[in-house]
Amino acid sequence: MGKGGDTRIHAGKIWLNGELVPQEEAKVSVLAHALHYGTSVFEGIRAYATDEGPAIFRLEEHVERLFHSAKILRLEIPYTPEQIASAIVETVRTNGWKSCYIRPLAWFGATSLGVNPLPNNPADVMIATWEWGAYLGEEAVRKGAKLVTSSWRRFPGDVMPGKAKAGGNYVNSALAKMDALAAGADEALLLDKEGYVAEGSGENLFFVKNGVIHAIEHSVNLPGITRDSVIEIAEDLGFTVKEAYRVTREILFTADEVFMTGTAAEVTPVSMIDHRPIGTGSAGEITMQLRKVYLEAVTGQRSEYRKWLTFVK
């Protein structure tokens, strides 16, 4: 937050189409195709403070997913993955952040405004970075988040491309999130069209039963990089991890623990779903153990996970 209660994002210099420019000069046309139709792709990445300076978590995997999303939308990013990764590092370094959130975004520009963006709408690309704390708030992390099932269903794969982190997809998430907050919850639980659990508005879901960790898998879910990391950590700690399909809400209601993962949410415990306490109604022991190791990993305190870190020198 800025001085005087200013809640605007302060991103310093933004990388825009190959140049670092001050935030106030990073301009986009109001006729950009993506502004009208949601034809953009993006990533959420974090850099963490470590004893060796800021370190970007799983940079290569995030950039790879950005390009996969672009391919699904037939959006040609006019840079290589290596160039985008290098630009991300440069943007973090230039702004001097010790830790920050990183948002690369590519979108169809303002050449034409028909529904079809091809072939004359080249892609624009930007990378913004800013300081950001706990996504769901410190209380949700400490006590466990409260979820409520959304009336907005997660769209099936033949309606929207759920495996792409596309801007237009997140209207679905925004509607669910707004309604959840209005209902006094911290986050929304989204079901698929058949009533099975999909994910949160921006997180993957896990549940724990009798000491076994179950990672919810669904054809409509975005492939989670944090999810993948937590599964590896859990297995390294000796836990059995199973993929869970066609999970109903009552399975979550009666679980010993439920938690969410995501770049923004990191590892966040869930204490209540639809007014029903999960387990003891507070953050679960296994969840908090995973959260502890995850945070040690991203901050460079675990040598076995240094492979996930790109240090900004």
C-alpha atoms as a PDB file:
ATOM      1  CA  MET A   1       0.000   0.000   0.000  1.00  0.00           C
ATOM      2  CA  GLY A   2       1.297   3.455  -0.866  1.00  0.00           C
ATOM      3  CA  LYS A   3       1.376   6.548   1.321  1.00  0.00           C
ATOM      4  CA  GLY A   4      -1.905   7.968   2.541  1.00  0.00           C
ATOM      5  CA  GLY A   5      -3.720   4.681   2.100  1.00  0.00           C
ATOM      6  CA  ASP A   6      -3.000   4.493  -1.640  1.00  0.00           C
ATOM      7  CA  THR A   7      -3.966   0.956  -2.637  1.00  0.00           C
ATOM      8  CA  ARG A   8      -2.920   1.190  -6.282  1.00  0.00           C
ATOM      9  CA  ILE A   9      -0.340  -1.246  -7.571  1.00  0.00           C
ATOM     10  CA  HIS A  10       3.130   0.298  -7.613  1.00  0.00           C
ATOM     11  CA  ALA A  11       5.105  -1.609 -10.215  1.00  0.00           C
ATOM     12  CA  GLY A  12       8.043   0.731 -10.814  1.00  0.00           C
ATOM     13  CA  LYS A  13       9.380   0.031 -14.278  1.00  0.00           C
ATOM     14  CA  ILE A  14       7.445  -2.289 -16.568  1.00  0.00           C
ATOM     15  CA  TRP A  15       8.912  -4.271 -19.449  1.00  0.00           C
ATOM     16  CA  LEU A  16       6.739  -3.460 -22.476  1.00  0.00           C
ATOM     17  CA  ASN A  17       7.515  -4.900 -25.906  1.00  0.00           C
ATOM     18  CA  GLY A  18      11.228  -5.050 -25.242  1.00  0.00           C
ATOM     19  CA  GLU A  19      11.740  -1.829 -23.277  1.00  0.00           C
ATOM     20  CA  LEU A  20      11.676  -0.976 -19.582  1.00  0.00           C
ATOM     21  CA  VAL A  21       9.459   2.056 -19.060  1.00  0.00           C
ATOM     22  CA  PRO A  22       8.026   3.796 -15.973  1.00  0.00           C
ATOM     23  CA  GLN A  23       4.620   2.451 -14.951  1.00  0.00           C
ATOM     24  CA  GLU A  24       2.827   5.672 -15.972  1.00  0.00           C
ATOM     25  CA  GLU A  25       4.273   5.391 -19.481  1.00  0.00           C
ATOM     26  CA  ALA A  26       3.290   1.735 -20.014  1.00  0.00           C
ATOM     27  CA  LYS A  27       0.240   2.482 -22.157  1.00  0.00           C
ATOM     28  CA  VAL A  28      -2.181   0.173 -23.975  1.00  0.00           C
ATOM     29  CA  SER A  29      -4.718   1.225 -26.590  1.00  0.00           C
ATOM     30  CA  VAL A  30      -8.376   1.213 -25.563  1.00  0.00           C
ATOM     31  CA  LEU A  31      -8.951  -0.543 -28.899  1.00  0.00           C
ATOM     32  CA  ALA A  32      -6.805  -3.546 -27.977  1.00  0.00           C
ATOM     33  CA  HIS A  33      -8.568  -6.732 -29.016  1.00  0.00           C
ATOM     34  CA  ALA A  34      -7.878  -8.313 -25.617  1.00  0.00           C
ATOM     35  CA  LEU A  35      -9.613  -5.466 -23.781  1.00  0.00           C
ATOM     36  CA  HIS A  36     -12.804  -6.135 -25.727  1.00  0.00           C
ATOM     37  CA  TYR A  37     -12.720  -9.937 -25.964  1.00  0.00           C
ATOM     38  CA  GLY A  38     -10.395 -11.239 -23.237  1.00  0.00           C
ATOM     39  CA  THR A  39      -7.876 -12.613 -25.759  1.00  0.00           C
ATOM     40  CA  SER A  40      -4.819 -12.546 -23.526  1.00  0.00           C
ATOM     41  CA  VAL A  41      -2.652 -15.045 -21.690  1.00  0.00           C
ATOM     42  CA  PHE A  42      -0.692 -14.467 -18.519  1.00  0.00           C
ATOM     43  CA  GLU A  43       1.252 -16.008 -15.677  1.00  0.00           C
ATOM     44  CA  GLY A  44       1.563 -15.421 -11.963  1.00  0.00           C
ATOM     45  CA  ILE A  45       5.105 -15.910 -10.631  1.00  0.00           C
ATOM     46  CA  ARG A  46       6.768 -15.062  -7.333  1.00  0.00           C
ATOM     47  CA  ALA A  47      10.262 -13.966  -6.421  1.00  0.00           C
ATOM     48  CA  TYR A  48      11.225 -14.587  -2.803  1.00  0.00           C
ATOM     49  CA  ALA A  49      13.809 -12.950  -0.572  1.00  0.00           C
ATOM     50  CA  THR A  50      16.705 -15.297   0.201  1.00  0.00           C
ATOM     51  CA  ASP A  51      20.144 -14.965   1.798  1.00  0.00           C
ATOM     52  CA  GLU A  52      21.526 -14.734  -1.745  1.00  0.00           C
ATOM     53  CA  GLY A  53      19.137 -12.056  -2.968  1.00  0.00           C
ATOM     54  CA  PRO A  54      15.750 -12.443  -4.686  1.00  0.00           C
ATOM     55  CA  ALA A  55      15.019 -15.832  -6.238  1.00  0.00           C
ATOM     56  CA  ILE A  56      12.282 -16.481  -8.804  1.00  0.00           C
ATOM     57  CA  PHE A  57      10.350 -19.670  -8.166  1.00  0.00           C
ATOM     58  CA  ARG A  58      10.134 -22.138 -11.067  1.00  0.00           C
ATOM     59  CA  LEU A  59      10.699 -19.496 -13.717  1.00  0.00           C
ATOM     60  CA  GLU A  60      11.257 -21.939 -16.562  1.00  0.00           C
ATOM     61  CA  GLU A  61       8.025 -23.847 -15.890  1.00  0.00           C
ATOM     62  CA  HIS A  62       5.971 -20.658 -15.694  1.00  0.00           C
ATOM     63  CA  VAL A  63       7.365 -19.319 -18.960  1.00  0.00           C
ATOM     64  CA  GLU A  64       6.735 -22.676 -20.605  1.00  0.00           C
ATOM     65  CA  ARG A  65       3.104 -22.597 -19.448  1.00  0.00           C
ATOM     66  CA  LEU A  66       2.740 -19.034 -20.783  1.00  0.00           C
ATOM     67  CA  PHE A  67       3.800 -20.229 -24.233  1.00  0.00           C
ATOM     68  CA  HIS A  68       1.507 -23.268 -24.013  1.00  0.00           C
ATOM     69  CA  SER A  69      -1.403 -20.950 -23.201  1.00  0.00           C
ATOM     70  CA  ALA A  70      -0.500 -18.731 -26.150  1.00  0.00           C
ATOM     71  CA  LYS A  71      -0.402 -21.715 -28.473  1.00  0.00           C
ATOM     72  CA  ILE A  72      -3.902 -22.744 -27.422  1.00  0.00           C
ATOM     73  CA  LEU A  73      -5.169 -19.212 -28.232  1.00  0.00           C
ATOM     74  CA  ARG A  74      -3.175 -19.110 -31.491  1.00  0.00           C
ATOM     75  CA  LEU A  75      -1.351 -16.086 -30.130  1.00  0.00           C
ATOM     76  CA  GLU A  76       2.219 -15.807 -31.425  1.00  0.00           C
ATOM     77  CA  ILE A  77       4.496 -14.279 -28.798  1.00  0.00           C
ATOM     78  CA  PRO A  78       7.203 -12.384 -30.733  1.00  0.00           C
ATOM     79  CA  TYR A  79       9.963 -13.467 -28.336  1.00  0.00           C
ATOM     80  CA  THR A  80      11.540 -16.779 -27.406  1.00  0.00           C
ATOM     81  CA  PRO A  81      10.934 -18.353 -23.995  1.00  0.00           C
ATOM     82  CA  GLU A  82      14.563 -17.581 -23.165  1.00  0.00           C
ATOM     83  CA  GLN A  83      14.050 -13.899 -23.998  1.00  0.00           C
ATOM     84  CA  ILE A  84      10.937 -13.693 -21.814  1.00  0.00           C
ATOM     85  CA  ALA A  85      12.713 -15.417 -18.919  1.00  0.00           C
ATOM     86  CA  SER A  86      15.633 -13.019 -19.255  1.00  0.00           C
ATOM     87  CA  ALA A  87      13.257 -10.033 -19.366  1.00  0.00           C
ATOM     88  CA  ILE A  88      11.556 -11.227 -16.172  1.00  0.00           C
ATOM     89  CA  VAL A  89      14.907 -11.396 -14.372  1.00  0.00           C
ATOM     90  CA  GLU A  90      15.853  -7.973 -15.741  1.00  0.00           C
ATOM     91  CA  THR A  91      12.572  -6.414 -14.564  1.00  0.00           C
ATOM     92  CA  VAL A  92      12.947  -7.775 -11.024  1.00  0.00           C
ATOM     93  CA  ARG A  93      16.573  -6.622 -10.899  1.00  0.00           C
ATOM     94  CA  THR A  94      15.830  -3.135 -12.253  1.00  0.00           C
ATOM     95  CA  ASN A  95      13.097  -2.506  -9.714  1.00  0.00           C
ATOM     96  CA  GLY A  96      15.284  -3.683  -6.853  1.00  0.00           C
ATOM     97  CA  TRP A  97      12.646  -5.859  -5.220  1.00  0.00           C
ATOM     98  CA  LYS A  98      13.726  -8.209  -2.448  1.00  0.00           C
ATOM     99  CA  SER A  99      10.555 -10.190  -3.073  1.00  0.00           C
ATOM    100  CA  CYS A 100       7.698  -9.561  -5.467  1.00  0.00           C
ATOM    101  CA  TYR A 101       4.848 -10.892  -7.563  1.00  0.00           C
ATOM    102  CA  ILE A 102       5.549 -11.113 -11.298  1.00  0.00           C
ATOM    103  CA  ARG A 103       2.923 -10.808 -14.022  1.00  0.00           C
ATOM    104  CA  PRO A 104       3.912 -11.507 -17.641  1.00  0.00           C
ATOM    105  CA  LEU A 105       1.013 -10.850 -20.026  1.00  0.00           C
ATOM    106  CA  ALA A 106       0.655 -11.261 -23.789  1.00  0.00           C
ATOM    107  CA  TRP A 107      -2.389 -10.082 -25.714  1.00  0.00           C
ATOM    108  CA  PHE A 108      -3.831  -9.408 -29.143  1.00  0.00           C
ATOM    109  CA  GLY A 109      -3.310  -5.729 -29.920  1.00  0.00           C
ATOM    110  CA  ALA A 110      -5.275  -2.935 -31.598  1.00  0.00           C
ATOM    111  CA  THR A 111      -4.888  -3.560 -35.321  1.00  0.00           C
ATOM    112  CA  SER A 112      -8.453  -4.778 -35.816  1.00  0.00           C
ATOM    113  CA  LEU A 113     -11.538  -5.208 -33.653  1.00  0.00           C
ATOM    114  CA  GLY A 114     -13.486  -7.980 -35.344  1.00  0.00           C
ATOM    115  CA  VAL A 115     -14.125 -11.024 -33.188  1.00  0.00           C
ATOM    116  CA  ASN A 116     -11.452 -12.879 -35.180  1.00  0.00           C
ATOM    117  CA  PRO A 117      -8.032 -11.509 -34.090  1.00  0.00           C
ATOM    118  CA  LEU A 118      -6.178 -13.234 -36.946  1.00  0.00           C
ATOM    119  CA  PRO A 119      -4.141 -12.659 -39.015  1.00  0.00           C
ATOM    120  CA  ASN A 120      -3.535  -8.940 -38.553  1.00  0.00           C
ATOM    121  CA  ASN A 121      -3.371  -8.492 -34.781  1.00  0.00           C
ATOM    122  CA  PRO A 122       0.207  -9.014 -33.576  1.00  0.00           C
ATOM    123  CA  ALA A 123       0.824  -9.738 -29.917  1.00  0.00           C
ATOM    124  CA  ASP A 124       1.939  -7.181 -27.376  1.00  0.00           C
ATOM    125  CA  VAL A 125       3.856  -8.359 -24.290  1.00  0.00           C
ATOM    126  CA  MET A 126       4.464  -6.802 -20.892  1.00  0.00           C
ATOM    127  CA  ILE A 127       6.037  -7.867 -17.596  1.00  0.00           C
ATOM    128  CA  ALA A 128       5.079  -6.102 -14.370  1.00  0.00           C
ATOM    129  CA  THR A 129       6.391  -6.718 -10.844  1.00  0.00           C
ATOM    130  CA  TRP A 130       5.195  -5.468  -7.470  1.00  0.00           C
ATOM    131  CA  GLU A 131       5.343  -6.257  -3.784  1.00  0.00           C
ATOM    132  CA  TRP A 132       2.485  -8.443  -2.576  1.00  0.00           C
ATOM    133  CA  GLY A 133       1.692 -10.185   0.707  1.00  0.00           C
ATOM    134  CA  ALA A 134      -0.591 -13.106   1.567  1.00  0.00           C
ATOM    135  CA  TYR A 135      -3.215 -13.454  -1.174  1.00  0.00           C
ATOM    136  CA  LEU A 136      -6.086 -14.486   1.107  1.00  0.00           C
ATOM    137  CA  GLY A 137      -4.876 -12.450   4.064  1.00  0.00           C
ATOM    138  CA  GLU A 138      -2.783 -13.415   7.067  1.00  0.00           C
ATOM    139  CA  GLU A 139      -5.800 -14.526   9.105  1.00  0.00           C
ATOM    140  CA  ALA A 140      -6.871 -17.047   6.451  1.00  0.00           C
ATOM    141  CA  VAL A 141      -3.373 -18.524   6.480  1.00  0.00           C
ATOM    142  CA  ARG A 142      -3.180 -18.637  10.261  1.00  0.00           C
ATOM    143  CA  LYS A 143      -6.690 -19.901  11.046  1.00  0.00           C
ATOM    144  CA  GLY A 144      -7.653 -21.547   7.777  1.00  0.00           C
ATOM    145  CA  ALA A 145      -9.697 -20.125   4.908  1.00  0.00           C
ATOM    146  CA  LYS A 146     -13.472 -20.322   4.729  1.00  0.00           C
ATOM    147  CA  LEU A 147     -14.856 -21.548   1.403  1.00  0.00           C
ATOM    148  CA  VAL A 148     -18.369 -21.417  -0.017  1.00  0.00           C
ATOM    149  CA  THR A 149     -19.581 -23.327  -3.056  1.00  0.00           C
ATOM    150  CA  SER A 150     -20.216 -21.001  -5.972  1.00  0.00           C
ATOM    151  CA  SER A 151     -23.360 -21.004  -8.067  1.00  0.00           C
ATOM    152  CA  TRP A 152     -21.052 -20.339 -11.036  1.00  0.00           C
ATOM    153  CA  ARG A 153     -19.840 -23.677 -12.414  1.00  0.00           C
ATOM    154  CA  ARG A 154     -16.381 -24.218 -13.864  1.00  0.00           C
ATOM    155  CA  PHE A 155     -16.768 -24.394 -17.624  1.00  0.00           C
ATOM    156  CA  PRO A 156     -16.152 -27.700 -19.432  1.00  0.00           C
ATOM    157  CA  GLY A 157     -13.245 -28.160 -21.828  1.00  0.00           C
ATOM    158  CA  ASP A 158     -15.434 -27.885 -24.921  1.00  0.00           C
ATOM    159  CA  VAL A 159     -16.677 -24.433 -23.863  1.00  0.00           C
ATOM    160  CA  MET A 160     -13.482 -22.665 -22.749  1.00  0.00           C
ATOM    161  CA  PRO A 161      -9.817 -23.740 -22.776  1.00  0.00           C
ATOM    162  CA  GLY A 162      -9.237 -24.449 -19.096  1.00  0.00           C
ATOM    163  CA  LYS A 163      -5.671 -25.623 -19.711  1.00  0.00           C
ATOM    164  CA  ALA A 164      -4.775 -22.129 -20.940  1.00  0.00           C
ATOM    165  CA  LYS A 165      -4.227 -19.336 -18.440  1.00  0.00           C
ATOM    166  CA  ALA A 166      -6.299 -17.034 -20.632  1.00  0.00           C
ATOM    167  CA  GLY A 167      -7.685 -13.681 -19.546  1.00  0.00           C
ATOM    168  CA  GLY A 168     -11.251 -14.398 -20.659  1.00  0.00           C
ATOM    169  CA  ASN A 169     -11.404 -17.539 -18.524  1.00  0.00           C
ATOM    170  CA  TYR A 170     -11.106 -15.459 -15.391  1.00  0.00           C
ATOM    171  CA  VAL A 171     -14.512 -13.805 -15.740  1.00  0.00           C
ATOM    172  CA  ASN A 172     -15.748 -17.145 -14.378  1.00  0.00           C
ATOM    173  CA  SER A 173     -13.298 -16.910 -11.465  1.00  0.00           C
ATOM    174  CA  ALA A 174     -14.033 -13.233 -10.779  1.00  0.00           C
ATOM    175  CA  LEU A 175     -17.785 -13.832 -10.549  1.00  0.00           C
ATOM    176  CA  ALA A 176     -17.262 -16.734  -8.148  1.00  0.00           C
ATOM    177  CA  LYS A 177     -14.762 -14.790  -6.022  1.00  0.00           C
ATOM    178  CA  MET A 178     -16.934 -11.693  -5.730  1.00  0.00           C
ATOM    179  CA  ASP A 179     -19.918 -13.734  -4.626  1.00  0.00           C
ATOM    180  CA  ALA A 180     -17.848 -15.696  -2.095  1.00  0.00           C
ATOM    181  CA  LEU A 181     -16.514 -12.506  -0.488  1.00  0.00           C
ATOM    182  CA  ALA A 182     -20.009 -10.991  -0.433  1.00  0.00           C
ATOM    183  CA  ALA A 183     -21.173 -14.110   1.418  1.00  0.00           C
ATOM    184  CA  GLY A 184     -18.497 -13.629   4.083  1.00  0.00           C
ATOM    185  CA  ALA A 185     -16.148 -16.374   2.845  1.00  0.00           C
ATOM    186  CA  ASP A 186     -12.486 -16.075   1.851  1.00  0.00           C
ATOM    187  CA  GLU A 187     -12.660 -18.058  -1.368  1.00  0.00           C
ATOM    188  CA  ALA A 188     -15.034 -19.824  -3.741  1.00  0.00           C
ATOM    189  CA  LEU A 189     -15.247 -23.558  -4.382  1.00  0.00           C
ATOM    190  CA  LEU A 190     -16.154 -24.236  -8.002  1.00  0.00           C
ATOM    191  CA  LEU A 191     -17.848 -27.413  -9.198  1.00  0.00           C
ATOM    192  CA  ASP A 192     -18.042 -28.742 -12.741  1.00  0.00           C
ATOM    193  CA  LYS A 193     -21.291 -29.038 -14.699  1.00  0.00           C
ATOM    194  CA  GLU A 194     -21.930 -32.484 -13.119  1.00  0.00           C
ATOM    195  CA  GLY A 195     -21.409 -31.253  -9.575  1.00  0.00           C
ATOM    196  CA  TYR A 196     -17.908 -32.603  -8.951  1.00  0.00           C
ATOM    197  CA  VAL A 197     -15.218 -30.469  -7.322  1.00  0.00           C
ATOM    198  CA  ALA A 198     -12.998 -28.617  -9.796  1.00  0.00           C
ATOM    199  CA  GLU A 199     -10.901 -25.974  -7.997  1.00  0.00           C
ATOM    200  CA  GLY A 200     -10.973 -22.597  -6.273  1.00  0.00           C
ATOM    201  CA  SER A 201     -11.231 -19.344  -8.196  1.00  0.00           C
ATOM    202  CA  GLY A 202      -7.456 -19.479  -8.655  1.00  0.00           C
ATOM    203  CA  GLU A 203      -6.161 -22.465  -6.690  1.00  0.00           C
ATOM    204  CA  ASN A 204      -5.854 -26.226  -6.886  1.00  0.00           C
ATOM    205  CA  LEU A 205      -7.365 -28.265  -4.061  1.00  0.00           C
ATOM    206  CA  PHE A 206      -6.058 -31.122  -1.903  1.00  0.00           C
ATOM    207  CA  PHE A 207      -7.622 -33.092   0.920  1.00  0.00           C
ATOM    208  CA  VAL A 208      -6.140 -35.370   3.581  1.00  0.00           C
ATOM    209  CA  LYS A 209      -7.830 -38.522   4.862  1.00  0.00           C
ATOM    210  CA  ASN A 210      -6.254 -41.002   7.287  1.00  0.00           C
ATOM    211  CA  GLY A 211      -2.790 -39.590   6.632  1.00  0.00           C
ATOM    212  CA  VAL A 212      -3.038 -39.922   2.822  1.00  0.00           C
ATOM    213  CA  ILE A 213      -2.859 -36.757   0.727  1.00  0.00           C
ATOM    214  CA  HIS A 214      -5.264 -36.607  -2.215  1.00  0.00           C
ATOM    215  CA  ALA A 215      -4.561 -34.144  -5.050  1.00  0.00           C
ATOM    216  CA  ILE A 216      -7.785 -33.288  -6.890  1.00  0.00           C
ATOM    217  CA  GLU A 217      -7.364 -33.776 -10.627  1.00  0.00           C
ATOM    218  CA  HIS A 218      -9.860 -32.534 -13.199  1.00  0.00           C
ATOM    219  CA  SER A 219      -9.858 -32.079 -16.962  1.00  0.00           C
ATOM    220  CA  VAL A 220     -10.949 -28.430 -16.566  1.00  0.00           C
ATOM    221  CA  ASN A 221      -8.205 -27.397 -14.130  1.00  0.00           C
ATOM    222  CA  LEU A 222      -5.126 -25.402 -15.035  1.00  0.00           C
ATOM    223  CA  PRO A 223      -1.968 -27.512 -14.541  1.00  0.00           C
ATOM    224  CA  GLY A 224      -0.703 -26.188 -11.223  1.00  0.00           C
ATOM    225  CA  ILE A 225       3.016 -25.522 -10.828  1.00  0.00           C
ATOM    226  CA  THR A 226       2.679 -25.000  -7.073  1.00  0.00           C
ATOM    227  CA  ARG A 227       0.503 -28.131  -6.962  1.00  0.00           C
ATOM    228  CA  ASP A 228       3.258 -30.118  -8.667  1.00  0.00           C
ATOM    229  CA  SER A 229       5.836 -28.727  -6.229  1.00  0.00           C
ATOM    230  CA  VAL A 230       3.759 -29.613  -3.160  1.00  0.00           C
ATOM    231  CA  ILE A 231       3.224 -33.171  -4.414  1.00  0.00           C
ATOM    232  CA  GLU A 232       6.993 -33.588  -4.761  1.00  0.00           C
ATOM    233  CA  ILE A 233       7.583 -32.145  -1.295  1.00  0.00           C
ATOM    234  CA  ALA A 234       4.915 -34.387   0.237  1.00  0.00           C
ATOM    235  CA  GLU A 235       6.413 -37.510  -1.327  1.00  0.00           C
ATOM    236  CA  ASP A 236       9.892 -36.483  -0.182  1.00  0.00           C
ATOM    237  CA  LEU A 237       8.496 -36.191   3.355  1.00  0.00           C
ATOM    238  CA  GLY A 238       7.232 -39.769   3.123  1.00  0.00           C
ATOM    239  CA  PHE A 239       3.540 -39.104   2.570  1.00  0.00           C
ATOM    240  CA  THR A 240       1.456 -41.155   0.164  1.00  0.00           C
ATOM    241  CA  VAL A 241      -0.057 -38.871  -2.479  1.00  0.00           C
ATOM    242  CA  LYS A 242      -2.912 -40.039  -4.697  1.00  0.00           C
ATOM    243  CA  GLU A 243      -4.678 -38.328  -7.577  1.00  0.00           C
ATOM    244  CA  ALA A 244      -8.388 -37.905  -6.808  1.00  0.00           C
ATOM    245  CA  TYR A 245     -11.026 -37.785  -9.548  1.00  0.00           C
ATOM    246  CA  ARG A 246     -14.781 -37.057  -9.439  1.00  0.00           C
ATOM    247  CA  VAL A 247     -14.617 -35.723  -5.892  1.00  0.00           C
ATOM    248  CA  THR A 248     -17.908 -34.582  -4.368  1.00  0.00           C
ATOM    249  CA  ARG A 249     -18.307 -31.859  -1.755  1.00  0.00           C
ATOM    250  CA  GLU A 250     -19.187 -34.336   0.979  1.00  0.00           C
ATOM    251  CA  ILE A 251     -15.787 -35.962   0.541  1.00  0.00           C
ATOM    252  CA  LEU A 252     -14.260 -32.593   1.416  1.00  0.00           C
ATOM    253  CA  PHE A 253     -16.744 -32.036   4.257  1.00  0.00           C
ATOM    254  CA  THR A 254     -15.603 -35.271   5.929  1.00  0.00           C
ATOM    255  CA  ALA A 255     -11.881 -34.971   5.179  1.00  0.00           C
ATOM    256  CA  ASP A 256      -9.374 -34.593   8.003  1.00  0.00           C
ATOM    257  CA  GLU A 257      -7.797 -31.601   6.245  1.00  0.00           C
ATOM    258  CA  VAL A 258      -8.303 -29.564   3.084  1.00  0.00           C
ATOM    259  CA  PHE A 259      -5.835 -27.102   1.610  1.00  0.00           C
ATOM    260  CA  MET A 260      -5.318 -25.002  -1.496  1.00  0.00           C
ATOM    261  CA  THR A 261      -2.206 -24.357  -3.556  1.00  0.00           C
ATOM    262  CA  GLY A 262      -1.267 -21.698  -6.069  1.00  0.00           C
ATOM    263  CA  THR A 263       1.385 -19.097  -6.817  1.00  0.00           C
ATOM    264  CA  ALA A 264      -0.612 -16.445  -4.974  1.00  0.00           C
ATOM    265  CA  ALA A 265      -2.137 -18.702  -2.290  1.00  0.00           C
ATOM    266  CA  GLU A 266       1.074 -20.736  -1.813  1.00  0.00           C
ATOM    267  CA  VAL A 267      -0.167 -23.449   0.617  1.00  0.00           C
ATOM    268  CA  THR A 268      -3.294 -22.224   2.406  1.00  0.00           C
ATOM    269  CA  PRO A 269      -5.248 -24.364   4.895  1.00  0.00           C
ATOM    270  CA  VAL A 270      -9.048 -24.568   4.680  1.00  0.00           C
ATOM    271  CA  SER A 271     -10.953 -24.563   7.963  1.00  0.00           C
ATOM    272  CA  MET A 272     -14.558 -24.471   6.733  1.00  0.00           C
ATOM    273  CA  ILE A 273     -16.552 -25.283   3.593  1.00  0.00           C
ATOM    274  CA  ASP A 274     -20.219 -24.312   3.276  1.00  0.00           C
ATOM    275  CA  HIS A 275     -20.471 -23.603   7.017  1.00  0.00           C
ATOM    276  CA  ARG A 276     -19.088 -27.040   7.918  1.00  0.00           C
ATOM    277  CA  PRO A 277     -15.813 -27.198   9.867  1.00  0.00           C
ATOM    278  CA  ILE A 278     -13.109 -29.288   8.197  1.00  0.00           C
ATOM    279  CA  GLY A 279     -11.409 -31.650  10.645  1.00  0.00           C
ATOM    280  CA  THR A 280     -10.875 -29.695  13.850  1.00  0.00           C
ATOM    281  CA  GLY A 281     -12.034 -26.478  12.184  1.00  0.00           C
ATOM    282  CA  SER A 282      -8.537 -25.010  12.113  1.00  0.00           C
ATOM    283  CA  ALA A 283      -5.361 -25.307  10.025  1.00  0.00           C
ATOM    284  CA  GLY A 284      -4.401 -28.990   9.722  1.00  0.00           C
ATOM    285  CA  GLU A 285      -1.110 -30.412  10.968  1.00  0.00           C
ATOM    286  CA  ILE A 286      -0.076 -32.003   7.657  1.00  0.00           C
ATOM    287  CA  THR A 287      -1.060 -28.863   5.755  1.00  0.00           C
ATOM    288  CA  MET A 288       1.078 -26.670   7.971  1.00  0.00           C
ATOM    289  CA  GLN A 289       4.009 -29.071   7.693  1.00  0.00           C
ATOM    290  CA  LEU A 290       3.780 -28.871   3.901  1.00  0.00           C
ATOM    291  CA  ARG A 291       3.441 -25.093   4.051  1.00  0.00           C
ATOM    292  CA  LYS A 292       6.531 -24.812   6.255  1.00  0.00           C
ATOM    293  CA  VAL A 293       8.714 -26.890   3.925  1.00  0.00           C
ATOM    294  CA  TYR A 294       7.311 -25.149   0.839  1.00  0.00           C
ATOM    295  CA  LEU A 295       8.196 -21.718   2.238  1.00  0.00           C
ATOM    296  CA  GLU A 296      11.649 -22.965   3.205  1.00  0.00           C
ATOM    297  CA  ALA A 297      12.093 -24.253  -0.341  1.00  0.00           C
ATOM    298  CA  VAL A 298      11.078 -21.023  -2.081  1.00  0.00           C
ATOM    299  CA  THR A 299      13.274 -18.915   0.211  1.00  0.00           C
ATOM    300  CA  GLY A 300      16.394 -20.975  -0.478  1.00  0.00           C
ATOM    301  CA  GLN A 301      16.558 -22.789   2.856  1.00  0.00           C
ATOM    302  CA  ARG A 302      16.279 -26.279   1.354  1.00  0.00           C
ATOM    303  CA  SER A 303      19.230 -27.324  -0.790  1.00  0.00           C
ATOM    304  CA  GLU A 304      17.281 -30.164  -2.403  1.00  0.00           C
ATOM    305  CA  TYR A 305      14.904 -27.638  -3.984  1.00  0.00           C
ATOM    306  CA  ARG A 306      17.429 -25.090  -5.249  1.00  0.00           C
ATOM    307  CA  LYS A 307      16.698 -26.523  -8.698  1.00  0.00           C
ATOM    308  CA  TRP A 308      13.430 -24.550  -8.580  1.00  0.00           C
ATOM    309  CA  LEU A 309      15.083 -21.169  -7.967  1.00  0.00           C
ATOM    310  CA  THR A 310      16.497 -18.607 -10.380  1.00  0.00           C
ATOM    311  CA  PHE A 311      18.606 -16.146  -8.396  1.00  0.00           C
ATOM    312  CA  VAL A 312      18.554 -12.512  -9.464  1.00  0.00           C
ATOM    313  CA  LYS A 313      22.101 -11.202  -9.168  1.00  0.00           C
END
